[in-house]
């Protein structure tokens, strides 16, 4: 069936026998090819002829061997562009479906994607893995300038990660986390505080003191100077405090 394929064809149905390809073309008008050695063999030499197609539907036969072959061929042809017609009583091989008066177009539309949307292979991840190896420092995240030991443990603040700090009341969690966040904020990391226990005024006072590295209550004449600089940080506070409605 290859001479009947136009260069403009982007969709194809791959079958195991010539009569199946003829039946498909007669019933649906879609571009159809038959594998030259039957439904269980896809020679590598044929792959270049199939490169032009953006979507390939494999409808090879009605037995288990053909179904297993279809899944194997889909991996060779790229799972993303392949769909499979699962063998069954209502989905026999194309010639048999035509003889039974079944709707071949409907069967093609119901073909299953060869790739599952929630499953990937290493082939699909290969380039991204290489990118992470090349850019090790960038992938490690933004490192803290004030906490070198923390960098050894967490490798930096990384997008998509959640870090939980726990400890008893009065152990210094808020004091530490405010400095932890301030360190990153001063490096341009946009920071949003949701402080349900300590009100925003007190929290901002703690952070401003840490930012200025001095007790501003003893040097109030410096307050505006440090407040102006602190104001330029990408730092925000939620207005929630105490018990809240779940909505």
C-alpha atoms as a PDB file:
ATOM      1  CA  UNK A   1       0.000   0.000   0.000  1.00  0.00           C
ATOM      2  CA  UNK A   2       2.990   2.349   0.175  1.00  0.00           C
ATOM      3  CA  UNK A   3       2.629   3.780  -3.397  1.00  0.00           C
ATOM      4  CA  UNK A   4      -0.884   4.993  -2.478  1.00  0.00           C
ATOM      5  CA  UNK A   5       0.409   7.134   0.423  1.00  0.00           C
ATOM      6  CA  UNK A   6       0.640  10.871  -0.237  1.00  0.00           C
ATOM      7  CA  UNK A   7       3.385  13.034   1.226  1.00  0.00           C
ATOM      8  CA  UNK A   8       0.618  15.156   2.739  1.00  0.00           C
ATOM      9  CA  UNK A   9      -0.831  12.268   4.767  1.00  0.00           C
ATOM     10  CA  UNK A  10      -0.200  12.716   8.481  1.00  0.00           C
ATOM     11  CA  UNK A  11      -2.375   9.888   9.864  1.00  0.00           C
ATOM     12  CA  UNK A  12      -1.955   6.203   9.149  1.00  0.00           C
ATOM     13  CA  UNK A  13      -3.446   2.843  10.107  1.00  0.00           C
ATOM     14  CA  UNK A  14      -0.953  -0.003  10.209  1.00  0.00           C
ATOM     15  CA  UNK A  15      -2.338  -3.511   9.620  1.00  0.00           C
ATOM     16  CA  UNK A  16      -0.972  -7.031   9.379  1.00  0.00           C
ATOM     17  CA  UNK A  17      -2.434  -8.110   6.015  1.00  0.00           C
ATOM     18  CA  UNK A  18      -3.077  -6.539   2.619  1.00  0.00           C
ATOM     19  CA  UNK A  19      -6.802  -7.366   2.700  1.00  0.00           C
ATOM     20  CA  UNK A  20      -7.111  -5.569   6.048  1.00  0.00           C
ATOM     21  CA  UNK A  21      -5.501  -2.458   4.573  1.00  0.00           C
ATOM     22  CA  UNK A  22      -7.875  -2.611   1.586  1.00  0.00           C
ATOM     23  CA  UNK A  23     -10.900  -3.058   3.870  1.00  0.00           C
ATOM     24  CA  UNK A  24      -9.882  -0.058   5.972  1.00  0.00           C
ATOM     25  CA  UNK A  25      -9.327   2.168   2.975  1.00  0.00           C
ATOM     26  CA  UNK A  26     -12.650   1.096   1.447  1.00  0.00           C
ATOM     27  CA  UNK A  27     -14.640   1.660   4.637  1.00  0.00           C
ATOM     28  CA  UNK A  28     -12.963   4.777   6.003  1.00  0.00           C
ATOM     29  CA  UNK A  29     -10.799   6.340   3.291  1.00  0.00           C
ATOM     30  CA  UNK A  30      -7.881   6.635   5.703  1.00  0.00           C
ATOM     31  CA  UNK A  31      -4.308   5.969   4.640  1.00  0.00           C
ATOM     32  CA  UNK A  32      -3.564   2.307   5.392  1.00  0.00           C
ATOM     33  CA  UNK A  33      -0.492   0.108   5.111  1.00  0.00           C
ATOM     34  CA  UNK A  34       0.057  -3.617   5.542  1.00  0.00           C
ATOM     35  CA  UNK A  35       3.244  -4.940   7.130  1.00  0.00           C
ATOM     36  CA  UNK A  36       5.117  -7.029   4.538  1.00  0.00           C
ATOM     37  CA  UNK A  37       5.917  -9.926   6.887  1.00  0.00           C
ATOM     38  CA  UNK A  38       2.666 -10.130   8.807  1.00  0.00           C
ATOM     39  CA  UNK A  39       1.389  -8.722  12.059  1.00  0.00           C
ATOM     40  CA  UNK A  40       4.278  -9.797  14.270  1.00  0.00           C
ATOM     41  CA  UNK A  41       7.257  -8.304  12.430  1.00  0.00           C
ATOM     42  CA  UNK A  42       8.257  -4.655  11.969  1.00  0.00           C
ATOM     43  CA  UNK A  43      11.687  -4.592  10.288  1.00  0.00           C
ATOM     44  CA  UNK A  44      13.836  -1.551  11.266  1.00  0.00           C
ATOM     45  CA  UNK A  45      14.324  -0.791   7.565  1.00  0.00           C
ATOM     46  CA  UNK A  46      10.664   0.245   7.373  1.00  0.00           C
ATOM     47  CA  UNK A  47      10.839   2.881  10.126  1.00  0.00           C
ATOM     48  CA  UNK A  48      12.019   5.752   7.861  1.00  0.00           C
ATOM     49  CA  UNK A  49       8.887   5.290   5.711  1.00  0.00           C
ATOM     50  CA  UNK A  50       6.729   5.981   8.769  1.00  0.00           C
ATOM     51  CA  UNK A  51       8.467   9.148   9.964  1.00  0.00           C
ATOM     52  CA  UNK A  52       6.085  11.543   8.164  1.00  0.00           C
ATOM     53  CA  UNK A  53       3.038  10.438  10.193  1.00  0.00           C
ATOM     54  CA  UNK A  54       2.026  12.346  13.310  1.00  0.00           C
ATOM     55  CA  UNK A  55      -0.500   9.714  14.331  1.00  0.00           C
ATOM     56  CA  UNK A  56      -0.308   5.970  13.724  1.00  0.00           C
ATOM     57  CA  UNK A  57      -3.067   3.547  14.704  1.00  0.00           C
ATOM     58  CA  UNK A  58      -2.016  -0.103  15.024  1.00  0.00           C
ATOM     59  CA  UNK A  59      -4.818  -2.522  14.132  1.00  0.00           C
ATOM     60  CA  UNK A  60      -2.893  -5.717  13.610  1.00  0.00           C
ATOM     61  CA  UNK A  61      -5.167  -8.615  14.412  1.00  0.00           C
ATOM     62  CA  UNK A  62      -7.515 -10.323  16.832  1.00  0.00           C
ATOM     63  CA  UNK A  63      -5.231 -12.615  18.817  1.00  0.00           C
ATOM     64  CA  UNK A  64      -3.013 -12.043  21.840  1.00  0.00           C
ATOM     65  CA  UNK A  65       0.168 -12.324  19.804  1.00  0.00           C
ATOM     66  CA  UNK A  66      -0.911  -9.445  17.555  1.00  0.00           C
ATOM     67  CA  UNK A  67      -1.839  -7.330  20.593  1.00  0.00           C
ATOM     68  CA  UNK A  68       1.574  -7.861  22.191  1.00  0.00           C
ATOM     69  CA  UNK A  69       3.248  -7.051  18.870  1.00  0.00           C
ATOM     70  CA  UNK A  70       1.226  -3.826  18.577  1.00  0.00           C
ATOM     71  CA  UNK A  71       2.463  -2.646  21.987  1.00  0.00           C
ATOM     72  CA  UNK A  72       6.048  -3.485  21.039  1.00  0.00           C
ATOM     73  CA  UNK A  73       5.781  -1.678  17.683  1.00  0.00           C
ATOM     74  CA  UNK A  74       4.310   1.390  19.404  1.00  0.00           C
ATOM     75  CA  UNK A  75       7.448   1.668  21.526  1.00  0.00           C
ATOM     76  CA  UNK A  76       9.566   1.535  18.374  1.00  0.00           C
ATOM     77  CA  UNK A  77       7.464   4.169  16.621  1.00  0.00           C
ATOM     78  CA  UNK A  78       7.163   6.511  19.675  1.00  0.00           C
ATOM     79  CA  UNK A  79       4.357   5.969  22.143  1.00  0.00           C
ATOM     80  CA  UNK A  80       3.182   9.577  21.918  1.00  0.00           C
ATOM     81  CA  UNK A  81       1.994   9.255  18.322  1.00  0.00           C
ATOM     82  CA  UNK A  82       0.565   5.735  18.464  1.00  0.00           C
ATOM     83  CA  UNK A  83      -2.895   4.362  19.274  1.00  0.00           C
ATOM     84  CA  UNK A  84      -3.915   0.718  19.539  1.00  0.00           C
ATOM     85  CA  UNK A  85      -7.099  -1.121  18.584  1.00  0.00           C
ATOM     86  CA  UNK A  86      -7.562  -3.749  21.290  1.00  0.00           C
ATOM     87  CA  UNK A  87      -8.689  -7.154  19.932  1.00  0.00           C
ATOM     88  CA  UNK A  88     -12.197  -8.224  20.938  1.00  0.00           C
ATOM     89  CA  UNK A  89     -15.506  -9.603  19.684  1.00  0.00           C
ATOM     90  CA  UNK A  90     -16.655  -6.145  18.618  1.00  0.00           C
ATOM     91  CA  UNK A  91     -13.215  -5.204  17.291  1.00  0.00           C
ATOM     92  CA  UNK A  92     -11.991  -8.062  15.077  1.00  0.00           C
ATOM     93  CA  UNK A  93      -9.380  -7.529  12.340  1.00  0.00           C
ATOM     94  CA  UNK A  94     -10.486  -4.901   9.748  1.00  0.00           C
ATOM     95  CA  UNK A  95     -11.574  -7.330   7.003  1.00  0.00           C
ATOM     96  CA  UNK A  96     -13.710  -9.301   9.447  1.00  0.00           C
ATOM     97  CA  UNK A  97     -15.174  -6.069  10.854  1.00  0.00           C
ATOM     98  CA  UNK A  98     -16.141  -4.957   7.337  1.00  0.00           C
ATOM     99  CA  UNK A  99     -17.759  -8.316   6.585  1.00  0.00           C
ATOM    100  CA  UNK A 100     -19.770  -8.089   9.835  1.00  0.00           C
ATOM    101  CA  UNK A 101     -21.025  -4.622   8.937  1.00  0.00           C
ATOM    102  CA  UNK A 102     -19.293  -2.961  11.896  1.00  0.00           C
ATOM    103  CA  UNK A 103     -18.478   0.752  11.870  1.00  0.00           C
ATOM    104  CA  UNK A 104     -14.702   0.848  11.239  1.00  0.00           C
ATOM    105  CA  UNK A 105     -14.504   4.619  11.693  1.00  0.00           C
ATOM    106  CA  UNK A 106     -16.040   4.299  15.156  1.00  0.00           C
ATOM    107  CA  UNK A 107     -13.566   1.541  16.054  1.00  0.00           C
ATOM    108  CA  UNK A 108     -10.643   3.730  14.972  1.00  0.00           C
ATOM    109  CA  UNK A 109     -11.905   6.642  17.059  1.00  0.00           C
ATOM    110  CA  UNK A 110     -12.057   4.362  20.107  1.00  0.00           C
ATOM    111  CA  UNK A 111      -8.411   3.300  19.736  1.00  0.00           C
ATOM    112  CA  UNK A 112      -6.448   3.465  22.986  1.00  0.00           C
ATOM    113  CA  UNK A 113      -3.453   5.814  23.330  1.00  0.00           C
ATOM    114  CA  UNK A 114      -0.294   3.721  23.494  1.00  0.00           C
ATOM    115  CA  UNK A 115       1.167   5.964  26.193  1.00  0.00           C
ATOM    116  CA  UNK A 116      -0.518   6.476  29.561  1.00  0.00           C
ATOM    117  CA  UNK A 117      -0.721  10.140  30.535  1.00  0.00           C
ATOM    118  CA  UNK A 118       0.573   9.345  34.017  1.00  0.00           C
ATOM    119  CA  UNK A 119       3.452   7.060  32.983  1.00  0.00           C
ATOM    120  CA  UNK A 120       6.697   7.969  31.244  1.00  0.00           C
ATOM    121  CA  UNK A 121       9.772   6.032  30.196  1.00  0.00           C
ATOM    122  CA  UNK A 122      13.399   6.972  30.744  1.00  0.00           C
ATOM    123  CA  UNK A 123      13.604   7.820  27.032  1.00  0.00           C
ATOM    124  CA  UNK A 124      11.207  10.723  27.704  1.00  0.00           C
ATOM    125  CA  UNK A 125      13.205  11.820  30.751  1.00  0.00           C
ATOM    126  CA  UNK A 126      16.669  11.350  29.271  1.00  0.00           C
ATOM    127  CA  UNK A 127      17.336  14.936  28.165  1.00  0.00           C
ATOM    128  CA  UNK A 128      15.988  16.423  31.414  1.00  0.00           C
ATOM    129  CA  UNK A 129      18.208  14.110  33.464  1.00  0.00           C
ATOM    130  CA  UNK A 130      21.211  15.243  31.415  1.00  0.00           C
ATOM    131  CA  UNK A 131      20.197  18.879  32.020  1.00  0.00           C
ATOM    132  CA  UNK A 132      20.157  18.287  35.777  1.00  0.00           C
ATOM    133  CA  UNK A 133      23.613  16.702  35.649  1.00  0.00           C
ATOM    134  CA  UNK A 134      25.007  19.610  33.623  1.00  0.00           C
ATOM    135  CA  UNK A 135      23.440  22.268  35.861  1.00  0.00           C
ATOM    136  CA  UNK A 136      24.064  20.653  39.234  1.00  0.00           C
ATOM    137  CA  UNK A 137      24.476  23.935  41.100  1.00  0.00           C
ATOM    138  CA  UNK A 138      21.320  25.495  39.623  1.00  0.00           C
ATOM    139  CA  UNK A 139      19.273  22.393  40.365  1.00  0.00           C
ATOM    140  CA  UNK A 140      20.521  22.414  43.965  1.00  0.00           C
ATOM    141  CA  UNK A 141      18.523  25.596  44.519  1.00  0.00           C
ATOM    142  CA  UNK A 142      19.279  28.942  46.138  1.00  0.00           C
ATOM    143  CA  UNK A 143      21.767  28.512  48.938  1.00  0.00           C
ATOM    144  CA  UNK A 144      21.500  30.319  52.275  1.00  0.00           C
ATOM    145  CA  UNK A 145      24.247  32.844  52.914  1.00  0.00           C
ATOM    146  CA  UNK A 146      23.805  32.782  56.703  1.00  0.00           C
ATOM    147  CA  UNK A 147      23.489  29.013  57.149  1.00  0.00           C
ATOM    148  CA  UNK A 148      26.308  27.092  55.443  1.00  0.00           C
ATOM    149  CA  UNK A 149      25.547  23.958  57.481  1.00  0.00           C
ATOM    150  CA  UNK A 150      21.943  24.035  56.239  1.00  0.00           C
ATOM    151  CA  UNK A 151      23.208  24.032  52.652  1.00  0.00           C
ATOM    152  CA  UNK A 152      24.958  20.743  53.349  1.00  0.00           C
ATOM    153  CA  UNK A 153      21.699  19.203  54.561  1.00  0.00           C
ATOM    154  CA  UNK A 154      19.086  20.619  52.175  1.00  0.00           C
ATOM    155  CA  UNK A 155      21.333  21.665  49.227  1.00  0.00           C
ATOM    156  CA  UNK A 156      19.474  24.962  49.006  1.00  0.00           C
ATOM    157  CA  UNK A 157      15.880  26.169  48.654  1.00  0.00           C
ATOM    158  CA  UNK A 158      14.388  24.289  45.703  1.00  0.00           C
ATOM    159  CA  UNK A 159      11.202  24.925  43.758  1.00  0.00           C
ATOM    160  CA  UNK A 160       8.499  22.348  44.406  1.00  0.00           C
ATOM    161  CA  UNK A 161       9.792  21.196  47.789  1.00  0.00           C
ATOM    162  CA  UNK A 162       8.078  21.483  51.164  1.00  0.00           C
ATOM    163  CA  UNK A 163      10.247  21.676  54.282  1.00  0.00           C
ATOM    164  CA  UNK A 164       8.675  21.274  57.726  1.00  0.00           C
ATOM    165  CA  UNK A 165      10.402  22.468  60.912  1.00  0.00           C
ATOM    166  CA  UNK A 166       9.066  21.152  64.197  1.00  0.00           C
ATOM    167  CA  UNK A 167       9.938  21.713  67.827  1.00  0.00           C
ATOM    168  CA  UNK A 168       8.431  22.430  71.257  1.00  0.00           C
ATOM    169  CA  UNK A 169       6.999  25.815  72.216  1.00  0.00           C
ATOM    170  CA  UNK A 170       9.688  28.408  72.843  1.00  0.00           C
ATOM    171  CA  UNK A 171      12.447  26.453  71.088  1.00  0.00           C
ATOM    172  CA  UNK A 172      13.035  29.255  68.568  1.00  0.00           C
ATOM    173  CA  UNK A 173      11.177  27.975  65.497  1.00  0.00           C
ATOM    174  CA  UNK A 174       9.748  31.365  64.509  1.00  0.00           C
ATOM    175  CA  UNK A 175      13.008  33.203  65.183  1.00  0.00           C
ATOM    176  CA  UNK A 176      14.941  30.743  63.064  1.00  0.00           C
ATOM    177  CA  UNK A 177      12.392  30.492  60.232  1.00  0.00           C
ATOM    178  CA  UNK A 178      12.125  34.292  59.980  1.00  0.00           C
ATOM    179  CA  UNK A 179      15.901  34.509  59.484  1.00  0.00           C
ATOM    180  CA  UNK A 180      15.826  31.469  57.176  1.00  0.00           C
ATOM    181  CA  UNK A 181      13.186  33.215  55.014  1.00  0.00           C
ATOM    182  CA  UNK A 182      14.893  36.605  55.242  1.00  0.00           C
ATOM    183  CA  UNK A 183      18.149  35.140  53.946  1.00  0.00           C
ATOM    184  CA  UNK A 184      16.350  33.894  50.815  1.00  0.00           C
ATOM    185  CA  UNK A 185      14.200  37.008  50.483  1.00  0.00           C
ATOM    186  CA  UNK A 186      17.333  39.194  50.387  1.00  0.00           C
ATOM    187  CA  UNK A 187      18.467  37.067  47.427  1.00  0.00           C
ATOM    188  CA  UNK A 188      15.250  37.824  45.534  1.00  0.00           C
ATOM    189  CA  UNK A 189      13.117  34.814  46.497  1.00  0.00           C
ATOM    190  CA  UNK A 190       9.501  36.025  46.673  1.00  0.00           C
ATOM    191  CA  UNK A 191       8.301  35.220  50.193  1.00  0.00           C
ATOM    192  CA  UNK A 192       4.768  34.942  51.606  1.00  0.00           C
ATOM    193  CA  UNK A 193       4.217  34.546  55.353  1.00  0.00           C
ATOM    194  CA  UNK A 194       1.131  32.880  56.767  1.00  0.00           C
ATOM    195  CA  UNK A 195       1.604  33.460  60.481  1.00  0.00           C
ATOM    196  CA  UNK A 196      -1.455  32.251  62.410  1.00  0.00           C
ATOM    197  CA  UNK A 197       0.109  32.439  65.890  1.00  0.00           C
ATOM    198  CA  UNK A 198       2.224  35.591  65.819  1.00  0.00           C
ATOM    199  CA  UNK A 199       0.649  38.757  64.434  1.00  0.00           C
ATOM    200  CA  UNK A 200       2.246  40.421  61.428  1.00  0.00           C
ATOM    201  CA  UNK A 201       3.466  43.509  63.304  1.00  0.00           C
ATOM    202  CA  UNK A 202       5.478  41.443  65.750  1.00  0.00           C
ATOM    203  CA  UNK A 203       6.767  39.162  62.990  1.00  0.00           C
ATOM    204  CA  UNK A 204       7.818  42.123  60.853  1.00  0.00           C
ATOM    205  CA  UNK A 205       9.591  43.622  63.878  1.00  0.00           C
ATOM    206  CA  UNK A 206      11.590  40.401  64.365  1.00  0.00           C
ATOM    207  CA  UNK A 207      12.564  40.282  60.688  1.00  0.00           C
ATOM    208  CA  UNK A 208      13.472  43.974  60.525  1.00  0.00           C
ATOM    209  CA  UNK A 209      15.752  43.541  63.545  1.00  0.00           C
ATOM    210  CA  UNK A 210      17.392  40.532  61.884  1.00  0.00           C
ATOM    211  CA  UNK A 211      17.699  42.473  58.625  1.00  0.00           C
ATOM    212  CA  UNK A 212      19.362  45.456  60.295  1.00  0.00           C
ATOM    213  CA  UNK A 213      21.436  43.173  62.582  1.00  0.00           C
ATOM    214  CA  UNK A 214      20.923  45.649  65.464  1.00  0.00           C
ATOM    215  CA  UNK A 215      18.399  46.584  68.158  1.00  0.00           C
ATOM    216  CA  UNK A 216      16.534  49.444  66.472  1.00  0.00           C
ATOM    217  CA  UNK A 217      14.622  50.272  69.663  1.00  0.00           C
ATOM    218  CA  UNK A 218      17.928  51.637  70.960  1.00  0.00           C
ATOM    219  CA  UNK A 219      18.622  53.557  67.720  1.00  0.00           C
ATOM    220  CA  UNK A 220      15.241  54.879  66.557  1.00  0.00           C
ATOM    221  CA  UNK A 221      16.897  57.552  64.405  1.00  0.00           C
ATOM    222  CA  UNK A 222      17.967  54.693  62.065  1.00  0.00           C
ATOM    223  CA  UNK A 223      14.464  53.219  61.781  1.00  0.00           C
ATOM    224  CA  UNK A 224      13.401  54.980  58.547  1.00  0.00           C
ATOM    225  CA  UNK A 225      16.671  54.173  56.812  1.00  0.00           C
ATOM    226  CA  UNK A 226      16.385  50.440  57.535  1.00  0.00           C
ATOM    227  CA  UNK A 227      12.614  50.384  57.016  1.00  0.00           C
ATOM    228  CA  UNK A 228      13.046  51.859  53.518  1.00  0.00           C
ATOM    229  CA  UNK A 229      15.512  49.129  52.604  1.00  0.00           C
ATOM    230  CA  UNK A 230      13.366  46.425  54.190  1.00  0.00           C
ATOM    231  CA  UNK A 231      10.332  47.671  52.274  1.00  0.00           C
ATOM    232  CA  UNK A 232      12.040  46.902  48.952  1.00  0.00           C
ATOM    233  CA  UNK A 233      12.276  43.165  49.683  1.00  0.00           C
ATOM    234  CA  UNK A 234       9.805  40.825  47.881  1.00  0.00           C
ATOM    235  CA  UNK A 235       8.131  40.071  51.206  1.00  0.00           C
ATOM    236  CA  UNK A 236       4.392  39.713  51.879  1.00  0.00           C
ATOM    237  CA  UNK A 237       2.165  38.738  54.821  1.00  0.00           C
ATOM    238  CA  UNK A 238      -1.236  37.073  54.884  1.00  0.00           C
ATOM    239  CA  UNK A 239      -3.801  38.900  57.008  1.00  0.00           C
ATOM    240  CA  UNK A 240      -5.121  35.697  58.630  1.00  0.00           C
ATOM    241  CA  UNK A 241      -4.464  35.284  62.346  1.00  0.00           C
ATOM    242  CA  UNK A 242      -5.758  32.811  64.902  1.00  0.00           C
ATOM    243  CA  UNK A 243      -8.644  30.448  64.183  1.00  0.00           C
ATOM    244  CA  UNK A 244     -10.097  30.760  60.663  1.00  0.00           C
ATOM    245  CA  UNK A 245     -13.126  29.474  58.793  1.00  0.00           C
ATOM    246  CA  UNK A 246     -12.029  26.532  56.654  1.00  0.00           C
ATOM    247  CA  UNK A 247     -13.267  28.247  53.470  1.00  0.00           C
END
